[in-house]
Amino acid sequence: MVRYFSIIWTLCLLFLLSGCEEEFDVDIPDSMLDGIVFNGVITSENPPYFFLLRKPALISGQDGQYEGIEDATMIVTDCTDGIKDTMQVLHPYDDYGGVFYDYYDYYQKKSARVAVNPGHDNISCRGMYATTKIYGIEGHSYQLDIFYGGKHYKSDIQRMESALPITDMKLKRFDFNEKGHTWAPCISFINPFGVDNYYLFQLNANSYTNYSLKHPQFLLSSGQFWGYSILSDEYLEENVVDFLIDDGENPLGYPPGWDYPMGDSLYVWAQTISKSCYDVFDQMIRQFRSDGGAYTPAPSSVGSNISGGAYGCFRVSAVSEKGIATGER
């Protein structure tokens, strides 16, 4: 998925300050390195679902390598149906055109393989796992157990809420101060009444069905931008009209509106998330915005909804989207 949650800002300070001439020691607690880094999501898409498990590491901007964990036991449980799924570890291999994984597609009932984009090598792709029988179903609850190095890591129980019904999407012109006037996407949607709802939004020039949010590429990709925004419906009405979608966060201080996708089309991907996942992502966003100054606290490590010293967030999400052509804006 997405951005890795491991010791995000404590370690990133090493990279951001690497250009300074004065050398100094940064004391990283051993407890921060004695853990695991988890990334993955069960969606309402057809299975299988992929998960990435790595060790925390002091890395530099030049190497950017994490050590994949391939000898763990990962079990995801459908608590609603009582189904336990012990995941299969996938070993990457080089072939013509890049790095590949072989796996069994139990939805289509056949063996399959998947490639990751150029830029990844065999070493950086280690630590990938795939489910073998579980399905992501709205209304079902799930839990993750990881056994590694004599330790047991356990997530809280995650319920997959119903997908968000997006009824309309349009582009409107906004003044983003430093960025100036620019077009930005707004959506209208029906916010389910009577329950607390939390959402994760992402913008893309294409439909998620062209990629699949459960694709290993999403777990391995990283960059300078965290192109997500989160939303709690605490102050929302049931019928939400023209809600502005943020373009995400970045650690470089770029202002809002800087990173909207440019192209002939624009899609908003909406994923339902739990309160505990919302809290983890909220911590991440606060860390992006923290600089240790007078009005913001010093950056620190981000929490998790997995106990035992794991970094990351076990998430289950129902997915929906809305797209428009942008050529005539």
C-alpha atoms as a PDB file:
ATOM      1  CA  MET A   1       0.000   0.000   0.000  1.00  0.00           C
ATOM      2  CA  VAL A   2       1.072   2.641   0.098  1.00  0.00           C
ATOM      3  CA  ARG A   3       3.592   4.450   2.333  1.00  0.00           C
ATOM      4  CA  TYR A   4       5.364   2.382   4.957  1.00  0.00           C
ATOM      5  CA  PHE A   5       4.656   3.335   8.542  1.00  0.00           C
ATOM      6  CA  SER A   6       8.004   2.309  10.049  1.00  0.00           C
ATOM      7  CA  ILE A   7       9.564   4.890  12.342  1.00  0.00           C
ATOM      8  CA  ILE A   8       8.628   7.387   9.690  1.00  0.00           C
ATOM      9  CA  TRP A   9       9.852  10.669  11.044  1.00  0.00           C
ATOM     10  CA  THR A  10      12.452   9.653  13.578  1.00  0.00           C
ATOM     11  CA  LEU A  11      14.413   7.985  10.816  1.00  0.00           C
ATOM     12  CA  CYS A  12      13.522  10.488   8.099  1.00  0.00           C
ATOM     13  CA  LEU A  13      15.268  13.175  10.115  1.00  0.00           C
ATOM     14  CA  LEU A  14      18.497  11.381   9.259  1.00  0.00           C
ATOM     15  CA  PHE A  15      17.767  11.817   5.552  1.00  0.00           C
ATOM     16  CA  LEU A  16      16.547  15.399   5.733  1.00  0.00           C
ATOM     17  CA  LEU A  17      19.624  16.517   7.639  1.00  0.00           C
ATOM     18  CA  SER A  18      22.110  14.499   5.617  1.00  0.00           C
ATOM     19  CA  GLY A  19      23.162  17.602   3.696  1.00  0.00           C
ATOM     20  CA  CYS A  20      24.441  19.416   6.803  1.00  0.00           C
ATOM     21  CA  GLU A  21      28.204  19.541   7.228  1.00  0.00           C
ATOM     22  CA  GLU A  22      28.160  19.209  10.993  1.00  0.00           C
ATOM     23  CA  GLU A  23      28.015  15.585  12.112  1.00  0.00           C
ATOM     24  CA  PHE A  24      26.094  14.509  15.178  1.00  0.00           C
ATOM     25  CA  ASP A  25      24.872  11.291  16.742  1.00  0.00           C
ATOM     26  CA  VAL A  26      21.221  10.328  16.827  1.00  0.00           C
ATOM     27  CA  ASP A  27      20.365   7.764  19.476  1.00  0.00           C
ATOM     28  CA  ILE A  28      17.749   5.386  18.069  1.00  0.00           C
ATOM     29  CA  PRO A  29      16.234   3.135  20.778  1.00  0.00           C
ATOM     30  CA  ASP A  30      16.806  -0.579  20.201  1.00  0.00           C
ATOM     31  CA  SER A  31      13.095  -1.172  20.766  1.00  0.00           C
ATOM     32  CA  MET A  32      12.332   0.725  17.556  1.00  0.00           C
ATOM     33  CA  LEU A  33      14.464  -1.660  15.514  1.00  0.00           C
ATOM     34  CA  ASP A  34      13.307  -4.804  17.305  1.00  0.00           C
ATOM     35  CA  GLY A  35       9.987  -5.085  15.529  1.00  0.00           C
ATOM     36  CA  ILE A  36       8.353  -5.651  12.168  1.00  0.00           C
ATOM     37  CA  VAL A  37       6.959  -3.401   9.443  1.00  0.00           C
ATOM     38  CA  PHE A  38       3.603  -4.484   8.022  1.00  0.00           C
ATOM     39  CA  ASN A  39       1.738  -3.258   4.946  1.00  0.00           C
ATOM     40  CA  GLY A  40      -1.399  -4.655   3.364  1.00  0.00           C
ATOM     41  CA  VAL A  41      -5.161  -4.437   3.011  1.00  0.00           C
ATOM     42  CA  ILE A  42      -8.160  -6.691   2.457  1.00  0.00           C
ATOM     43  CA  THR A  43     -10.531  -4.969   0.054  1.00  0.00           C
ATOM     44  CA  SER A  44     -13.933  -5.745  -1.418  1.00  0.00           C
ATOM     45  CA  GLU A  45     -12.134  -6.639  -4.663  1.00  0.00           C
ATOM     46  CA  ASN A  46     -11.821 -10.249  -5.732  1.00  0.00           C
ATOM     47  CA  PRO A  47      -8.983 -12.124  -3.967  1.00  0.00           C
ATOM     48  CA  PRO A  48      -6.236 -13.018  -3.403  1.00  0.00           C
ATOM     49  CA  TYR A  49      -4.853 -10.201  -1.235  1.00  0.00           C
ATOM     50  CA  PHE A  50      -1.160  -9.413  -0.817  1.00  0.00           C
ATOM     51  CA  PHE A  51       0.768  -8.370   2.281  1.00  0.00           C
ATOM     52  CA  LEU A  52       4.325  -7.165   2.824  1.00  0.00           C
ATOM     53  CA  LEU A  53       6.418  -7.877   5.922  1.00  0.00           C
ATOM     54  CA  ARG A  54       9.809  -6.289   6.551  1.00  0.00           C
ATOM     55  CA  LYS A  55      12.286  -5.448   9.278  1.00  0.00           C
ATOM     56  CA  PRO A  56      12.781  -1.845  10.408  1.00  0.00           C
ATOM     57  CA  ALA A  57      16.127  -0.436   9.322  1.00  0.00           C
ATOM     58  CA  LEU A  58      18.273   2.650   9.442  1.00  0.00           C
ATOM     59  CA  ILE A  59      18.312   3.432   5.735  1.00  0.00           C
ATOM     60  CA  SER A  60      19.673   6.247   3.648  1.00  0.00           C
ATOM     61  CA  GLY A  61      18.097   8.044   0.737  1.00  0.00           C
ATOM     62  CA  GLN A  62      20.712   6.398  -1.485  1.00  0.00           C
ATOM     63  CA  ASP A  63      19.985   2.721  -0.768  1.00  0.00           C
ATOM     64  CA  GLY A  64      16.369   2.732   0.429  1.00  0.00           C
ATOM     65  CA  GLN A  65      16.486  -1.000   1.192  1.00  0.00           C
ATOM     66  CA  TYR A  66      14.458  -2.872   3.789  1.00  0.00           C
ATOM     67  CA  GLU A  67      15.048  -6.520   4.654  1.00  0.00           C
ATOM     68  CA  GLY A  68      12.054  -8.658   3.761  1.00  0.00           C
ATOM     69  CA  ILE A  69      10.827 -11.273   6.250  1.00  0.00           C
ATOM     70  CA  GLU A  70      10.066 -14.602   4.575  1.00  0.00           C
ATOM     71  CA  ASP A  71       9.936 -16.984   7.547  1.00  0.00           C
ATOM     72  CA  ALA A  72       6.956 -15.592   9.448  1.00  0.00           C
ATOM     73  CA  THR A  73       3.553 -17.219   9.846  1.00  0.00           C
ATOM     74  CA  MET A  74       0.755 -14.808   8.953  1.00  0.00           C
ATOM     75  CA  ILE A  75      -2.861 -15.772   9.571  1.00  0.00           C
ATOM     76  CA  VAL A  76      -5.875 -13.656   8.701  1.00  0.00           C
ATOM     77  CA  THR A  77      -9.199 -14.692  10.205  1.00  0.00           C
ATOM     78  CA  ASP A  78     -12.699 -13.961   8.969  1.00  0.00           C
ATOM     79  CA  CYS A  79     -14.239 -13.592  12.425  1.00  0.00           C
ATOM     80  CA  THR A  80     -17.755 -13.582  10.964  1.00  0.00           C
ATOM     81  CA  ASP A  81     -17.496 -16.977   9.255  1.00  0.00           C
ATOM     82  CA  GLY A  82     -14.746 -18.428  11.453  1.00  0.00           C
ATOM     83  CA  ILE A  83     -12.381 -18.993   8.508  1.00  0.00           C
ATOM     84  CA  LYS A  84      -8.620 -18.950   9.182  1.00  0.00           C
ATOM     85  CA  ASP A  85      -6.292 -18.350   6.242  1.00  0.00           C
ATOM     86  CA  THR A  86      -2.564 -19.069   6.632  1.00  0.00           C
ATOM     87  CA  MET A  87      -0.865 -16.967   3.988  1.00  0.00           C
ATOM     88  CA  GLN A  88       1.590 -18.263   1.414  1.00  0.00           C
ATOM     89  CA  VAL A  89       5.007 -16.625   1.211  1.00  0.00           C
ATOM     90  CA  LEU A  90       5.874 -15.533  -2.335  1.00  0.00           C
ATOM     91  CA  HIS A  91       9.498 -15.657  -3.438  1.00  0.00           C
ATOM     92  CA  PRO A  92      10.412 -13.049  -6.078  1.00  0.00           C
ATOM     93  CA  TYR A  93      12.441 -14.071  -9.092  1.00  0.00           C
ATOM     94  CA  ASP A  94      13.998 -12.300 -12.045  1.00  0.00           C
ATOM     95  CA  ASP A  95      12.692 -12.970 -15.519  1.00  0.00           C
ATOM     96  CA  TYR A  96      12.542 -11.148 -18.825  1.00  0.00           C
ATOM     97  CA  GLY A  97      10.761  -7.884 -18.154  1.00  0.00           C
ATOM     98  CA  GLY A  98      11.383  -7.536 -14.436  1.00  0.00           C
ATOM     99  CA  VAL A  99      10.689  -9.195 -11.098  1.00  0.00           C
ATOM    100  CA  PHE A 100       7.798 -11.657 -10.745  1.00  0.00           C
ATOM    101  CA  TYR A 101       5.815 -13.568  -8.131  1.00  0.00           C
ATOM    102  CA  ASP A 102       4.034 -16.884  -8.687  1.00  0.00           C
ATOM    103  CA  TYR A 103       0.847 -17.492  -6.696  1.00  0.00           C
ATOM    104  CA  TYR A 104      -2.443 -19.371  -6.807  1.00  0.00           C
ATOM    105  CA  ASP A 105      -5.474 -17.294  -7.819  1.00  0.00           C
ATOM    106  CA  TYR A 106      -8.201 -19.081  -5.885  1.00  0.00           C
ATOM    107  CA  TYR A 107     -10.896 -16.769  -7.225  1.00  0.00           C
ATOM    108  CA  GLN A 108     -10.159 -17.813 -10.816  1.00  0.00           C
ATOM    109  CA  LYS A 109      -8.964 -21.255  -9.677  1.00  0.00           C
ATOM    110  CA  LYS A 110      -5.679 -21.229 -11.545  1.00  0.00           C
ATOM    111  CA  SER A 111      -1.974 -20.581 -11.075  1.00  0.00           C
ATOM    112  CA  ALA A 112      -0.887 -17.050 -11.908  1.00  0.00           C
ATOM    113  CA  ARG A 113       2.045 -14.713 -11.780  1.00  0.00           C
ATOM    114  CA  VAL A 114       2.335 -10.982 -11.334  1.00  0.00           C
ATOM    115  CA  ALA A 115       5.106  -8.538 -12.222  1.00  0.00           C
ATOM    116  CA  VAL A 116       6.204  -5.417 -10.408  1.00  0.00           C
ATOM    117  CA  ASN A 117       7.263  -2.303 -12.251  1.00  0.00           C
ATOM    118  CA  PRO A 118      10.880  -1.645 -13.257  1.00  0.00           C
ATOM    119  CA  GLY A 119      12.952  -0.066 -10.521  1.00  0.00           C
ATOM    120  CA  HIS A 120      12.533  -2.949  -8.088  1.00  0.00           C
ATOM    121  CA  ASP A 121      15.043  -5.758  -7.733  1.00  0.00           C
ATOM    122  CA  ASN A 122      14.840  -9.241  -6.313  1.00  0.00           C
ATOM    123  CA  ILE A 123      16.072  -8.176  -2.873  1.00  0.00           C
ATOM    124  CA  SER A 124      13.716  -5.234  -2.408  1.00  0.00           C
ATOM    125  CA  CYS A 125      10.725  -7.426  -3.326  1.00  0.00           C
ATOM    126  CA  ARG A 126      11.207  -9.988  -0.576  1.00  0.00           C
ATOM    127  CA  GLY A 127       8.721 -10.362   2.254  1.00  0.00           C
ATOM    128  CA  MET A 128       5.561 -10.705   0.128  1.00  0.00           C
ATOM    129  CA  TYR A 129       2.675 -12.941   1.238  1.00  0.00           C
ATOM    130  CA  ALA A 130      -0.673 -13.862  -0.340  1.00  0.00           C
ATOM    131  CA  THR A 131      -3.948 -15.153   1.051  1.00  0.00           C
ATOM    132  CA  THR A 132      -5.121 -18.613   0.033  1.00  0.00           C
ATOM    133  CA  LYS A 133      -8.879 -18.758   0.667  1.00  0.00           C
ATOM    134  CA  ILE A 134     -10.341 -15.697   2.381  1.00  0.00           C
ATOM    135  CA  TYR A 135     -12.708 -13.172   0.758  1.00  0.00           C
ATOM    136  CA  GLY A 136     -13.223  -9.502   1.573  1.00  0.00           C
ATOM    137  CA  ILE A 137     -16.955  -9.125   2.228  1.00  0.00           C
ATOM    138  CA  GLU A 138     -18.806  -6.028   3.388  1.00  0.00           C
ATOM    139  CA  GLY A 139     -20.155  -6.480   6.900  1.00  0.00           C
ATOM    140  CA  HIS A 140     -17.562  -9.123   7.825  1.00  0.00           C
ATOM    141  CA  SER A 141     -14.900  -8.642  10.505  1.00  0.00           C
ATOM    142  CA  TYR A 142     -11.246  -9.685  10.217  1.00  0.00           C
ATOM    143  CA  GLN A 143      -8.191 -10.057  12.432  1.00  0.00           C
ATOM    144  CA  LEU A 144      -4.497 -10.545  11.668  1.00  0.00           C
ATOM    145  CA  ASP A 145      -2.000 -12.685  13.605  1.00  0.00           C
ATOM    146  CA  ILE A 146       1.728 -12.681  12.847  1.00  0.00           C
ATOM    147  CA  PHE A 147       4.159 -15.133  14.436  1.00  0.00           C
ATOM    148  CA  TYR A 148       7.821 -14.277  13.949  1.00  0.00           C
ATOM    149  CA  GLY A 149      11.019 -14.599  15.952  1.00  0.00           C
ATOM    150  CA  GLY A 150       9.253 -16.123  18.928  1.00  0.00           C
ATOM    151  CA  LYS A 151       6.817 -13.197  19.138  1.00  0.00           C
ATOM    152  CA  HIS A 152       3.101 -12.908  18.473  1.00  0.00           C
ATOM    153  CA  TYR A 153       1.792  -9.740  16.833  1.00  0.00           C
ATOM    154  CA  LYS A 154      -1.976  -9.318  16.805  1.00  0.00           C
ATOM    155  CA  SER A 155      -4.213  -6.686  15.205  1.00  0.00           C
ATOM    156  CA  ASP A 156      -7.471  -5.381  16.539  1.00  0.00           C
ATOM    157  CA  ILE A 157     -10.642  -6.614  14.845  1.00  0.00           C
ATOM    158  CA  GLN A 158     -11.453  -4.719  11.661  1.00  0.00           C
ATOM    159  CA  ARG A 159     -14.979  -4.590  10.232  1.00  0.00           C
ATOM    160  CA  MET A 160     -15.472  -3.901   6.529  1.00  0.00           C
ATOM    161  CA  GLU A 161     -18.106  -1.186   6.333  1.00  0.00           C
ATOM    162  CA  SER A 162     -20.215  -0.716   3.215  1.00  0.00           C
ATOM    163  CA  ALA A 163     -18.673   1.094   0.255  1.00  0.00           C
ATOM    164  CA  LEU A 164     -19.254   4.840   0.029  1.00  0.00           C
ATOM    165  CA  PRO A 165     -21.938   5.739  -2.565  1.00  0.00           C
ATOM    166  CA  ILE A 166     -20.434   8.630  -4.593  1.00  0.00           C
ATOM    167  CA  THR A 167     -23.285  10.295  -6.474  1.00  0.00           C
ATOM    168  CA  ASP A 168     -21.485  13.086  -8.343  1.00  0.00           C
ATOM    169  CA  MET A 169     -18.061  14.520  -9.117  1.00  0.00           C
ATOM    170  CA  LYS A 170     -17.003  17.828 -10.624  1.00  0.00           C
ATOM    171  CA  LEU A 171     -14.016  20.142 -10.914  1.00  0.00           C
ATOM    172  CA  LYS A 172     -14.219  23.542  -9.258  1.00  0.00           C
ATOM    173  CA  ARG A 173     -11.722  26.372  -9.215  1.00  0.00           C
ATOM    174  CA  PHE A 174     -10.145  27.240  -5.849  1.00  0.00           C
ATOM    175  CA  ASP A 175      -7.549  29.681  -4.567  1.00  0.00           C
ATOM    176  CA  PHE A 176      -4.840  27.697  -2.759  1.00  0.00           C
ATOM    177  CA  ASN A 177      -2.818  30.779  -1.727  1.00  0.00           C
ATOM    178  CA  GLU A 178       0.799  29.845  -2.535  1.00  0.00           C
ATOM    179  CA  LYS A 179      -0.272  27.579  -5.368  1.00  0.00           C
ATOM    180  CA  GLY A 180      -2.742  30.149  -6.658  1.00  0.00           C
ATOM    181  CA  HIS A 181      -5.982  29.395  -8.474  1.00  0.00           C
ATOM    182  CA  THR A 182      -6.310  25.848  -9.756  1.00  0.00           C
ATOM    183  CA  TRP A 183      -8.920  23.225 -10.503  1.00  0.00           C
ATOM    184  CA  ALA A 184      -9.688  20.714  -7.759  1.00  0.00           C
ATOM    185  CA  PRO A 185     -12.061  17.739  -7.552  1.00  0.00           C
ATOM    186  CA  CYS A 186     -15.243  17.810  -5.475  1.00  0.00           C
ATOM    187  CA  ILE A 187     -17.535  14.867  -4.834  1.00  0.00           C
ATOM    188  CA  SER A 188     -21.070  14.437  -3.570  1.00  0.00           C
ATOM    189  CA  PHE A 189     -21.976  11.315  -1.635  1.00  0.00           C
ATOM    190  CA  ILE A 190     -24.476   9.676   0.681  1.00  0.00           C
ATOM    191  CA  ASN A 191     -23.037   9.398   4.182  1.00  0.00           C
ATOM    192  CA  PRO A 192     -24.651   6.393   5.943  1.00  0.00           C
ATOM    193  CA  PHE A 193     -26.682   7.630   8.892  1.00  0.00           C
ATOM    194  CA  GLY A 194     -26.555   6.273  12.432  1.00  0.00           C
ATOM    195  CA  VAL A 195     -22.966   4.946  12.471  1.00  0.00           C
ATOM    196  CA  ASP A 196     -19.525   6.534  12.712  1.00  0.00           C
ATOM    197  CA  ASN A 197     -17.924   6.490   9.269  1.00  0.00           C
ATOM    198  CA  TYR A 198     -14.299   7.017   8.284  1.00  0.00           C
ATOM    199  CA  TYR A 199     -12.934   7.263   4.763  1.00  0.00           C
ATOM    200  CA  LEU A 200      -9.619   7.171   2.925  1.00  0.00           C
ATOM    201  CA  PHE A 201      -9.497   9.051  -0.395  1.00  0.00           C
ATOM    202  CA  GLN A 202      -6.952   8.864  -3.198  1.00  0.00           C
ATOM    203  CA  LEU A 203      -6.779  10.668  -6.541  1.00  0.00           C
ATOM    204  CA  ASN A 204      -5.592   9.051  -9.744  1.00  0.00           C
ATOM    205  CA  ALA A 205      -5.783   9.631 -13.480  1.00  0.00           C
ATOM    206  CA  ASN A 206      -7.174   6.107 -13.957  1.00  0.00           C
ATOM    207  CA  SER A 207      -9.741   3.747 -12.492  1.00  0.00           C
ATOM    208  CA  TYR A 208      -8.458   1.547  -9.676  1.00  0.00           C
ATOM    209  CA  THR A 209      -9.836  -1.429 -11.633  1.00  0.00           C
ATOM    210  CA  ASN A 210      -6.956  -0.915 -14.083  1.00  0.00           C
ATOM    211  CA  TYR A 211      -4.463  -1.571 -11.292  1.00  0.00           C
ATOM    212  CA  SER A 212      -6.193  -3.266  -8.326  1.00  0.00           C
ATOM    213  CA  LEU A 213      -5.567  -1.785  -4.905  1.00  0.00           C
ATOM    214  CA  LYS A 214      -4.383  -5.192  -3.691  1.00  0.00           C
ATOM    215  CA  HIS A 215      -1.590  -5.416  -6.292  1.00  0.00           C
ATOM    216  CA  PRO A 216       1.942  -5.992  -4.892  1.00  0.00           C
ATOM    217  CA  GLN A 217       3.085  -2.865  -6.725  1.00  0.00           C
ATOM    218  CA  PHE A 218       1.034  -0.716  -4.334  1.00  0.00           C
ATOM    219  CA  LEU A 219       2.842  -2.255  -1.370  1.00  0.00           C
ATOM    220  CA  LEU A 220       6.310  -1.746  -2.836  1.00  0.00           C
ATOM    221  CA  SER A 221       5.846   1.763  -4.184  1.00  0.00           C
ATOM    222  CA  SER A 222       7.069   4.785  -2.273  1.00  0.00           C
ATOM    223  CA  GLY A 223       7.889   8.383  -2.990  1.00  0.00           C
ATOM    224  CA  GLN A 224       7.944  11.877  -1.592  1.00  0.00           C
ATOM    225  CA  PHE A 225       4.166  12.256  -1.519  1.00  0.00           C
ATOM    226  CA  TRP A 226       1.531  10.466   0.535  1.00  0.00           C
ATOM    227  CA  GLY A 227      -1.326  10.918  -1.892  1.00  0.00           C
ATOM    228  CA  TYR A 228      -4.153  10.172   0.505  1.00  0.00           C
ATOM    229  CA  SER A 229      -6.606  12.172   2.570  1.00  0.00           C
ATOM    230  CA  ILE A 230      -8.784  10.937   5.413  1.00  0.00           C
ATOM    231  CA  LEU A 231     -12.218  11.981   6.583  1.00  0.00           C
ATOM    232  CA  SER A 232     -14.348  11.469   9.669  1.00  0.00           C
ATOM    233  CA  ASP A 233     -18.072  12.058   9.244  1.00  0.00           C
ATOM    234  CA  GLU A 234     -18.445  13.530  12.741  1.00  0.00           C
ATOM    235  CA  TYR A 235     -19.687  16.872  11.416  1.00  0.00           C
ATOM    236  CA  LEU A 236     -21.149  15.749   8.089  1.00  0.00           C
ATOM    237  CA  GLU A 237     -24.758  15.656   7.024  1.00  0.00           C
ATOM    238  CA  GLU A 238     -26.252  12.542   5.468  1.00  0.00           C
ATOM    239  CA  ASN A 239     -26.248  14.134   2.008  1.00  0.00           C
ATOM    240  CA  VAL A 240     -22.819  15.670   1.332  1.00  0.00           C
ATOM    241  CA  VAL A 241     -22.508  17.986  -1.687  1.00  0.00           C
ATOM    242  CA  ASP A 242     -19.325  19.216  -3.422  1.00  0.00           C
ATOM    243  CA  PHE A 243     -16.833  18.020  -0.828  1.00  0.00           C
ATOM    244  CA  LEU A 244     -13.293  19.122  -1.782  1.00  0.00           C
ATOM    245  CA  ILE A 245     -10.814  16.232  -2.029  1.00  0.00           C
ATOM    246  CA  ASP A 246      -7.310  17.010  -0.781  1.00  0.00           C
ATOM    247  CA  ASP A 247      -4.254  16.059  -2.840  1.00  0.00           C
ATOM    248  CA  GLY A 248      -2.499  14.434   0.118  1.00  0.00           C
ATOM    249  CA  GLU A 249       0.537  15.133   2.255  1.00  0.00           C
ATOM    250  CA  ASN A 250       4.264  15.479   1.722  1.00  0.00           C
ATOM    251  CA  PRO A 251       7.300  16.027   3.973  1.00  0.00           C
ATOM    252  CA  LEU A 252       8.721  18.768   1.737  1.00  0.00           C
ATOM    253  CA  GLY A 253       6.352  21.533   2.781  1.00  0.00           C
ATOM    254  CA  TYR A 254       4.539  21.909  -0.540  1.00  0.00           C
ATOM    255  CA  PRO A 255       1.231  23.763  -0.095  1.00  0.00           C
ATOM    256  CA  PRO A 256      -2.249  22.264  -0.700  1.00  0.00           C
ATOM    257  CA  GLY A 257      -3.195  21.886  -4.343  1.00  0.00           C
ATOM    258  CA  TRP A 258       0.370  21.188  -5.464  1.00  0.00           C
ATOM    259  CA  ASP A 259       0.037  17.553  -6.499  1.00  0.00           C
ATOM    260  CA  TYR A 260      -3.335  17.077  -8.196  1.00  0.00           C
ATOM    261  CA  PRO A 261      -3.027  14.498 -11.011  1.00  0.00           C
ATOM    262  CA  MET A 262      -2.898  15.956 -14.514  1.00  0.00           C
ATOM    263  CA  GLY A 263      -4.469  14.110 -17.420  1.00  0.00           C
ATOM    264  CA  ASP A 264      -7.541  13.616 -19.578  1.00  0.00           C
ATOM    265  CA  SER A 265      -9.429  11.971 -16.739  1.00  0.00           C
ATOM    266  CA  LEU A 266      -9.513  12.083 -12.961  1.00  0.00           C
ATOM    267  CA  TYR A 267     -10.805   9.498 -10.499  1.00  0.00           C
ATOM    268  CA  VAL A 268     -11.501   9.647  -6.785  1.00  0.00           C
ATOM    269  CA  TRP A 269     -10.947   6.302  -5.093  1.00  0.00           C
ATOM    270  CA  ALA A 270     -12.845   5.986  -1.809  1.00  0.00           C
ATOM    271  CA  GLN A 271     -12.115   3.323   0.794  1.00  0.00           C
ATOM    272  CA  THR A 272     -13.958   2.784   4.058  1.00  0.00           C
ATOM    273  CA  ILE A 273     -11.689   2.438   7.099  1.00  0.00           C
ATOM    274  CA  SER A 274     -12.064   1.810  10.820  1.00  0.00           C
ATOM    275  CA  LYS A 275     -11.596   4.277  13.667  1.00  0.00           C
ATOM    276  CA  SER A 276      -8.267   2.682  14.631  1.00  0.00           C
ATOM    277  CA  CYS A 277      -6.940   2.987  11.058  1.00  0.00           C
ATOM    278  CA  TYR A 278      -8.168   6.571  10.899  1.00  0.00           C
ATOM    279  CA  ASP A 279      -6.199   7.297  14.080  1.00  0.00           C
ATOM    280  CA  VAL A 280      -3.012   5.764  12.622  1.00  0.00           C
ATOM    281  CA  PHE A 281      -3.328   7.801   9.417  1.00  0.00           C
ATOM    282  CA  ASP A 282      -4.121  10.925  11.435  1.00  0.00           C
ATOM    283  CA  GLN A 283      -0.858  10.417  13.331  1.00  0.00           C
ATOM    284  CA  MET A 284       0.990  10.121  10.034  1.00  0.00           C
ATOM    285  CA  ILE A 285      -0.487  13.364   8.741  1.00  0.00           C
ATOM    286  CA  ARG A 286       0.394  15.160  11.965  1.00  0.00           C
ATOM    287  CA  GLN A 287       3.959  13.901  11.597  1.00  0.00           C
ATOM    288  CA  PHE A 288       4.179  15.248   8.061  1.00  0.00           C
ATOM    289  CA  ARG A 289       3.119  18.634   9.410  1.00  0.00           C
ATOM    290  CA  SER A 290       5.383  18.577  12.477  1.00  0.00           C
ATOM    291  CA  ASP A 291       8.692  20.371  12.499  1.00  0.00           C
ATOM    292  CA  GLY A 292       9.477  20.632  16.201  1.00  0.00           C
ATOM    293  CA  GLY A 293       8.908  24.392  16.188  1.00  0.00           C
ATOM    294  CA  ALA A 294       7.080  26.553  18.664  1.00  0.00           C
ATOM    295  CA  TYR A 295       3.620  25.443  17.584  1.00  0.00           C
ATOM    296  CA  THR A 296       4.170  21.867  16.485  1.00  0.00           C
ATOM    297  CA  PRO A 297       5.756  18.977  18.411  1.00  0.00           C
ATOM    298  CA  ALA A 298       8.957  17.262  17.387  1.00  0.00           C
ATOM    299  CA  PRO A 299       8.414  14.324  15.015  1.00  0.00           C
ATOM    300  CA  SER A 300       8.212  10.860  16.580  1.00  0.00           C
ATOM    301  CA  SER A 301       7.306   7.322  15.527  1.00  0.00           C
ATOM    302  CA  VAL A 302       3.782   6.524  14.346  1.00  0.00           C
ATOM    303  CA  GLY A 303       1.627   4.014  16.215  1.00  0.00           C
ATOM    304  CA  SER A 304      -0.136   0.941  14.914  1.00  0.00           C
ATOM    305  CA  ASN A 305      -3.283  -1.126  15.346  1.00  0.00           C
ATOM    306  CA  ILE A 306      -1.100  -4.244  15.625  1.00  0.00           C
ATOM    307  CA  SER A 307       0.192  -5.112  19.098  1.00  0.00           C
ATOM    308  CA  GLY A 308       3.619  -6.433  20.032  1.00  0.00           C
ATOM    309  CA  GLY A 309       5.883  -3.840  18.427  1.00  0.00           C
ATOM    310  CA  ALA A 310       4.677  -3.840  14.830  1.00  0.00           C
ATOM    311  CA  TYR A 311       4.700  -0.734  12.660  1.00  0.00           C
ATOM    312  CA  GLY A 312       1.909  -0.371  10.151  1.00  0.00           C
ATOM    313  CA  CYS A 313      -1.831  -0.724   9.921  1.00  0.00           C
ATOM    314  CA  PHE A 314      -3.942  -3.795   9.218  1.00  0.00           C
ATOM    315  CA  ARG A 315      -6.869  -2.493   7.208  1.00  0.00           C
ATOM    316  CA  VAL A 316     -10.028  -3.823   5.567  1.00  0.00           C
ATOM    317  CA  SER A 317     -11.781  -1.538   3.091  1.00  0.00           C
ATOM    318  CA  ALA A 318     -14.776  -1.569   0.800  1.00  0.00           C
ATOM    319  CA  VAL A 319     -13.857   0.331  -2.361  1.00  0.00           C
ATOM    320  CA  SER A 320     -15.794   2.687  -4.621  1.00  0.00           C
ATOM    321  CA  GLU A 321     -14.838   5.364  -7.129  1.00  0.00           C
ATOM    322  CA  LYS A 322     -16.076   8.160  -9.355  1.00  0.00           C
ATOM    323  CA  GLY A 323     -14.349   9.543 -12.433  1.00  0.00           C
ATOM    324  CA  ILE A 324     -14.765  12.354 -14.940  1.00  0.00           C
ATOM    325  CA  ALA A 325     -13.156  13.562 -18.148  1.00  0.00           C
ATOM    326  CA  THR A 326     -11.069  16.672 -17.534  1.00  0.00           C
ATOM    327  CA  GLY A 327     -10.372  17.779 -21.096  1.00  0.00           C
ATOM    328  CA  GLU A 328     -13.014  20.519 -21.149  1.00  0.00           C
ATOM    329  CA  ARG A 329     -12.273  22.134 -17.797  1.00  0.00           C
END
